[in-house]
């Protein structure tokens, strides 16, 4: 039992390991993406539009999930947002 506790603690301390992404985390990443989109629209409109289209797709999928009474997988949302943020760097 003790080894399981140690393993769980290590996973929680490891970046990206077993750490849950909360709704607040996803919202913070969404705000960051919105700021990136605004900057891209000013600098390179075509790139900004492409990024906005990807972001809107994620948001629409989540709205659809809420509309049918489903739940949101915040870890998945954070992963999608992280991937978009990474693409912009």
Protein backbone atom coordinates (compact mmCIF):
# COMPACT_ATOMS: atom_id res chain seq x y z
CA UNK A 1 0.00 0.00 0.00
CA UNK A 2 2.82 2.38 0.84
CA UNK A 3 4.39 1.95 -2.62
CA UNK A 4 1.09 2.92 -4.27
CA UNK A 5 1.00 6.12 -2.22
CA UNK A 6 4.55 6.98 -3.23
CA UNK A 7 3.78 6.24 -6.89
CA UNK A 8 0.66 8.41 -6.79
CA UNK A 9 2.64 11.25 -5.22
CA UNK A 10 5.33 10.98 -7.89
CA UNK A 11 2.74 11.07 -10.67
CA UNK A 12 1.18 14.19 -9.21
CA UNK A 13 4.57 15.90 -8.98
CA UNK A 14 5.59 14.94 -12.51
CA UNK A 15 4.73 17.61 -15.10
CA UNK A 16 1.80 16.37 -17.15
CA UNK A 17 1.41 13.24 -15.03
CA UNK A 18 -2.01 12.55 -13.55
CA UNK A 19 -2.74 16.24 -12.98
CA UNK A 20 -6.32 17.02 -13.80
CA UNK A 21 -7.13 20.01 -15.90
CA UNK A 22 -9.92 21.99 -14.32
CA UNK A 23 -12.54 24.16 -15.93
CA UNK A 24 -10.60 27.18 -14.67
CA UNK A 25 -7.40 25.87 -16.31
CA UNK A 26 -9.25 25.47 -19.60
CA UNK A 27 -10.72 28.95 -19.30
CA UNK A 28 -7.28 30.45 -18.70
CA UNK A 29 -5.91 28.65 -21.74
CA UNK A 30 -8.93 29.84 -23.76
CA UNK A 31 -8.24 33.44 -22.77
CA UNK A 32 -4.60 33.04 -23.76
CA UNK A 33 -5.68 31.62 -27.12
CA UNK A 34 -8.09 34.50 -27.67
CA UNK A 35 -5.23 36.94 -27.10
CA UNK A 36 -3.03 35.01 -29.51
CA UNK A 37 -5.81 35.04 -32.13
CA UNK A 38 -6.21 38.81 -31.78
CA UNK A 39 -2.48 39.34 -32.21
CA UNK A 40 -2.35 36.99 -35.21
CA UNK A 41 -5.28 38.76 -36.85
CA UNK A 42 -3.34 42.02 -36.65
CA UNK A 43 -0.03 40.54 -37.84
CA UNK A 44 -1.04 37.80 -40.25
CA UNK A 45 -4.80 37.72 -40.89
CA UNK A 46 -4.79 34.40 -42.75
CA UNK A 47 -3.00 32.65 -39.88
CA UNK A 48 -5.27 34.33 -37.35
CA UNK A 49 -8.35 33.20 -39.24
CA UNK A 50 -7.08 29.62 -39.45
CA UNK A 51 -6.39 29.60 -35.72
CA UNK A 52 -9.80 31.10 -34.95
CA UNK A 53 -11.48 28.40 -37.05
CA UNK A 54 -9.73 25.67 -35.05
CA UNK A 55 -10.60 27.34 -31.75
CA UNK A 56 -14.24 27.76 -32.77
CA UNK A 57 -14.43 24.09 -33.70
CA UNK A 58 -13.36 23.08 -30.20
CA UNK A 59 -15.75 25.54 -28.60
CA UNK A 60 -18.70 24.40 -30.75
CA UNK A 61 -18.05 20.76 -29.85
CA UNK A 62 -18.15 21.67 -26.17
CA UNK A 63 -21.33 23.71 -26.58
CA UNK A 64 -22.91 20.77 -28.37
CA UNK A 65 -21.94 18.49 -25.51
CA UNK A 66 -23.53 20.87 -22.98
CA UNK A 67 -26.66 21.24 -25.12
CA UNK A 68 -27.34 17.50 -24.94
CA UNK A 69 -26.72 17.40 -21.20
CA UNK A 70 -23.29 15.85 -21.51
CA UNK A 71 -20.17 16.61 -19.58
CA UNK A 72 -16.98 18.27 -20.71
CA UNK A 73 -13.68 16.41 -20.57
CA UNK A 74 -11.56 19.33 -19.35
CA UNK A 75 -8.33 17.37 -19.74
CA UNK A 76 -9.16 16.89 -23.42
CA UNK A 77 -10.02 20.57 -23.83
CA UNK A 78 -6.75 21.60 -22.16
CA UNK A 79 -4.86 19.24 -24.43
CA UNK A 80 -6.51 20.71 -27.51
CA UNK A 81 -5.81 24.26 -26.33
CA UNK A 82 -2.21 23.37 -25.49
CA UNK A 83 -1.76 21.93 -28.98
CA UNK A 84 -3.07 25.15 -30.56
CA UNK A 85 -0.87 27.30 -28.34
CA UNK A 86 2.13 25.17 -29.28
CA UNK A 87 1.35 25.59 -32.99
CA UNK A 88 1.57 29.36 -32.60
CA UNK A 89 5.05 29.33 -31.11
